[in-house]
Amino acid sequence: MGIISTIVIGFIVGLVARAILPGKQAMGFILTVILGVVGSLLATYAGQAMGWYQAGVGAGFLASVVGAIVVLVIYGAVARR
């Protein structure tokens, strides 16, 4: 059940990040899920490094969306080349 919930939440976070960031992002379902999951992981580890989260605590929804936006900007810069 943990994997399925991670995929669903990753998909929702990826969709929200793609909706917030202007421009066209040509991504399918799988890349959107990966975007959301990686953004959430980025937000979790960055928050733990800065002391915002305790070890073992995941980032919240808004922090995950911000992390996904950062990943999307990096993806856009790399994919443009």
N, C-alpha and C. Protein backbone atom coordinates (compact mmCIF):
# COMPACT_ATOMS: atom_id res chain seq x y z
N MET A 1 0.81 -1.19 0.00
CA MET A 1 0.00 0.00 0.00
C MET A 1 0.86 1.26 0.00
N GLY A 2 2.05 1.19 0.56
CA GLY A 2 2.94 2.35 0.62
C GLY A 2 3.39 2.79 -0.76
N ILE A 3 3.70 1.84 -1.63
CA ILE A 3 4.15 2.17 -2.98
C ILE A 3 3.02 2.82 -3.78
N ILE A 4 1.81 2.30 -3.64
CA ILE A 4 0.68 2.84 -4.39
C ILE A 4 0.37 4.26 -3.93
N SER A 5 0.40 4.50 -2.64
CA SER A 5 0.14 5.86 -2.15
C SER A 5 1.24 6.82 -2.56
N THR A 6 2.48 6.35 -2.61
CA THR A 6 3.58 7.19 -3.08
C THR A 6 3.38 7.58 -4.54
N ILE A 7 2.95 6.64 -5.36
CA ILE A 7 2.71 6.92 -6.78
C ILE A 7 1.56 7.91 -6.95
N VAL A 8 0.48 7.71 -6.20
CA VAL A 8 -0.68 8.61 -6.32
C VAL A 8 -0.33 10.02 -5.86
N ILE A 9 0.33 10.14 -4.72
CA ILE A 9 0.71 11.46 -4.22
C ILE A 9 1.75 12.09 -5.13
N GLY A 10 2.70 11.30 -5.63
CA GLY A 10 3.68 11.82 -6.58
C GLY A 10 3.04 12.35 -7.85
N PHE A 11 2.00 11.64 -8.32
CA PHE A 11 1.28 12.09 -9.51
C PHE A 11 0.57 13.41 -9.25
N ILE A 12 -0.08 13.53 -8.10
CA ILE A 12 -0.79 14.77 -7.77
C ILE A 12 0.19 15.93 -7.61
N VAL A 13 1.30 15.70 -6.92
CA VAL A 13 2.31 16.74 -6.75
C VAL A 13 2.90 17.14 -8.10
N GLY A 14 3.18 16.16 -8.96
CA GLY A 14 3.70 16.46 -10.29
C GLY A 14 2.73 17.26 -11.13
N LEU A 15 1.44 16.92 -11.06
CA LEU A 15 0.43 17.68 -11.80
C LEU A 15 0.33 19.12 -11.31
N VAL A 16 0.35 19.30 -10.00
CA VAL A 16 0.27 20.66 -9.44
C VAL A 16 1.50 21.47 -9.84
N ALA A 17 2.68 20.86 -9.78
CA ALA A 17 3.91 21.56 -10.17
C ALA A 17 3.88 21.95 -11.64
N ARG A 18 3.38 21.04 -12.48
CA ARG A 18 3.30 21.36 -13.92
C ARG A 18 2.26 22.43 -14.18
N ALA A 19 1.20 22.49 -13.39
CA ALA A 19 0.17 23.51 -13.57
C ALA A 19 0.66 24.89 -13.11
N ILE A 20 1.48 24.92 -12.07
CA ILE A 20 1.98 26.19 -11.55
C ILE A 20 3.05 26.79 -12.46
N LEU A 21 3.96 25.97 -12.94
CA LEU A 21 5.06 26.46 -13.77
C LEU A 21 4.55 26.76 -15.18
N PRO A 22 4.73 27.98 -15.65
CA PRO A 22 4.24 28.30 -16.99
C PRO A 22 5.07 27.63 -18.08
N GLY A 23 4.47 27.48 -19.23
CA GLY A 23 5.15 26.86 -20.35
C GLY A 23 4.63 25.47 -20.61
N LYS A 24 5.17 24.87 -21.67
CA LYS A 24 4.73 23.53 -22.05
C LYS A 24 5.76 22.52 -21.60
N GLN A 25 5.30 21.56 -20.81
CA GLN A 25 6.16 20.46 -20.40
C GLN A 25 5.60 19.19 -21.03
N ALA A 26 6.29 18.69 -22.01
CA ALA A 26 5.83 17.49 -22.71
C ALA A 26 6.26 16.26 -21.90
N MET A 27 5.40 15.85 -20.97
CA MET A 27 5.68 14.70 -20.12
C MET A 27 4.46 13.79 -20.09
N GLY A 28 4.72 12.53 -19.97
CA GLY A 28 3.63 11.57 -19.83
C GLY A 28 3.36 11.28 -18.37
N PHE A 29 2.56 10.26 -18.15
CA PHE A 29 2.16 9.88 -16.79
C PHE A 29 3.35 9.47 -15.94
N ILE A 30 4.21 8.64 -16.49
CA ILE A 30 5.34 8.10 -15.71
C ILE A 30 6.31 9.21 -15.32
N LEU A 31 6.64 10.10 -16.25
CA LEU A 31 7.55 11.20 -15.91
C LEU A 31 6.92 12.17 -14.91
N THR A 32 5.62 12.35 -14.96
CA THR A 32 4.94 13.20 -13.99
C THR A 32 5.01 12.60 -12.59
N VAL A 33 4.82 11.28 -12.49
CA VAL A 33 4.94 10.59 -11.20
C VAL A 33 6.36 10.69 -10.68
N ILE A 34 7.33 10.45 -11.55
CA ILE A 34 8.74 10.54 -11.15
C ILE A 34 9.07 11.96 -10.70
N LEU A 35 8.56 12.96 -11.41
CA LEU A 35 8.77 14.35 -11.03
C LEU A 35 8.25 14.62 -9.62
N GLY A 36 7.04 14.16 -9.33
CA GLY A 36 6.46 14.38 -8.01
C GLY A 36 7.21 13.66 -6.91
N VAL A 37 7.60 12.42 -7.14
CA VAL A 37 8.31 11.64 -6.13
C VAL A 37 9.70 12.23 -5.87
N VAL A 38 10.41 12.58 -6.93
CA VAL A 38 11.75 13.16 -6.77
C VAL A 38 11.66 14.53 -6.10
N GLY A 39 10.65 15.32 -6.45
CA GLY A 39 10.46 16.61 -5.80
C GLY A 39 10.18 16.47 -4.32
N SER A 40 9.40 15.46 -3.96
CA SER A 40 9.12 15.22 -2.55
C SER A 40 10.38 14.77 -1.81
N LEU A 41 11.15 13.90 -2.43
CA LEU A 41 12.40 13.47 -1.81
C LEU A 41 13.38 14.63 -1.66
N LEU A 42 13.46 15.48 -2.68
CA LEU A 42 14.34 16.65 -2.61
C LEU A 42 13.91 17.56 -1.46
N ALA A 43 12.62 17.82 -1.34
CA ALA A 43 12.12 18.67 -0.26
C ALA A 43 12.38 18.05 1.11
N THR A 44 12.22 16.74 1.22
CA THR A 44 12.45 16.05 2.49
C THR A 44 13.91 16.15 2.91
N TYR A 45 14.82 15.83 2.00
CA TYR A 45 16.24 15.85 2.36
C TYR A 45 16.75 17.27 2.56
N ALA A 46 16.28 18.22 1.78
CA ALA A 46 16.69 19.62 1.98
C ALA A 46 16.16 20.14 3.31
N GLY A 47 14.92 19.79 3.64
CA GLY A 47 14.35 20.21 4.93
C GLY A 47 15.06 19.59 6.12
N GLN A 48 15.48 18.33 5.98
CA GLN A 48 16.22 17.69 7.06
C GLN A 48 17.61 18.30 7.19
N ALA A 49 18.24 18.66 6.07
CA ALA A 49 19.57 19.27 6.12
C ALA A 49 19.53 20.65 6.76
N MET A 50 18.42 21.37 6.57
CA MET A 50 18.28 22.71 7.13
C MET A 50 17.68 22.70 8.53
N GLY A 51 17.30 21.53 9.03
CA GLY A 51 16.77 21.41 10.36
C GLY A 51 15.28 21.66 10.48
N TRP A 52 14.57 21.71 9.36
CA TRP A 52 13.12 21.95 9.38
C TRP A 52 12.35 20.69 9.74
N TYR A 53 12.87 19.52 9.36
CA TYR A 53 12.20 18.25 9.61
C TYR A 53 13.12 17.35 10.42
N GLN A 54 12.52 16.53 11.26
CA GLN A 54 13.27 15.52 11.99
C GLN A 54 13.55 14.35 11.06
N ALA A 55 14.51 13.52 11.43
CA ALA A 55 14.81 12.33 10.64
C ALA A 55 13.60 11.41 10.65
N GLY A 56 13.25 10.90 9.48
CA GLY A 56 12.12 10.00 9.36
C GLY A 56 10.80 10.70 9.09
N VAL A 57 10.79 12.02 9.05
CA VAL A 57 9.57 12.77 8.78
C VAL A 57 9.64 13.29 7.35
N GLY A 58 8.59 13.05 6.59
CA GLY A 58 8.56 13.50 5.20
C GLY A 58 8.13 14.95 5.09
N ALA A 59 8.41 15.52 3.95
CA ALA A 59 8.01 16.90 3.68
C ALA A 59 6.51 16.97 3.49
N GLY A 60 5.95 18.12 3.72
CA GLY A 60 4.53 18.33 3.52
C GLY A 60 4.21 18.50 2.05
N PHE A 61 2.93 18.68 1.77
CA PHE A 61 2.47 18.77 0.38
C PHE A 61 3.05 20.00 -0.31
N LEU A 62 3.01 21.16 0.34
CA LEU A 62 3.52 22.38 -0.29
C LEU A 62 5.03 22.31 -0.53
N ALA A 63 5.75 21.77 0.42
CA ALA A 63 7.20 21.63 0.23
C ALA A 63 7.49 20.65 -0.90
N SER A 64 6.69 19.62 -1.04
CA SER A 64 6.86 18.66 -2.12
C SER A 64 6.60 19.31 -3.47
N VAL A 65 5.59 20.18 -3.54
CA VAL A 65 5.31 20.89 -4.78
C VAL A 65 6.47 21.83 -5.14
N VAL A 66 7.01 22.53 -4.15
CA VAL A 66 8.16 23.41 -4.40
C VAL A 66 9.35 22.58 -4.88
N GLY A 67 9.60 21.45 -4.26
CA GLY A 67 10.68 20.56 -4.70
C GLY A 67 10.46 20.07 -6.12
N ALA A 68 9.21 19.75 -6.46
CA ALA A 68 8.90 19.29 -7.81
C ALA A 68 9.08 20.42 -8.83
N ILE A 69 8.78 21.64 -8.44
CA ILE A 69 9.00 22.78 -9.34
C ILE A 69 10.49 22.96 -9.60
N VAL A 70 11.30 22.83 -8.56
CA VAL A 70 12.76 22.93 -8.73
C VAL A 70 13.25 21.83 -9.69
N VAL A 71 12.77 20.62 -9.50
CA VAL A 71 13.17 19.51 -10.37
C VAL A 71 12.69 19.77 -11.80
N LEU A 72 11.50 20.33 -11.96
CA LEU A 72 10.96 20.62 -13.29
C LEU A 72 11.76 21.70 -14.00
N VAL A 73 12.21 22.70 -13.27
CA VAL A 73 13.05 23.74 -13.87
C VAL A 73 14.38 23.14 -14.32
N ILE A 74 14.97 22.30 -13.51
CA ILE A 74 16.23 21.65 -13.87
C ILE A 74 16.02 20.73 -15.08
N TYR A 75 14.92 19.98 -15.07
CA TYR A 75 14.61 19.09 -16.20
C TYR A 75 14.44 19.90 -17.49
N GLY A 76 13.74 21.04 -17.39
CA GLY A 76 13.54 21.89 -18.57
C GLY A 76 14.84 22.44 -19.11
N ALA A 77 15.76 22.80 -18.24
CA ALA A 77 17.06 23.32 -18.68
C ALA A 77 17.90 22.25 -19.34
N VAL A 78 17.84 21.04 -18.80
CA VAL A 78 18.62 19.93 -19.38
C VAL A 78 17.99 19.44 -20.68
N ALA A 79 16.67 19.34 -20.72
CA ALA A 79 15.98 18.81 -21.90
C ALA A 79 16.02 19.78 -23.08
N ARG A 80 16.18 21.05 -22.79
CA ARG A 80 16.25 22.05 -23.85
C ARG A 80 17.49 21.88 -24.72
N ARG A 81 18.54 21.35 -24.15
CA ARG A 81 19.79 21.16 -24.90
C ARG A 81 19.68 19.98 -25.73
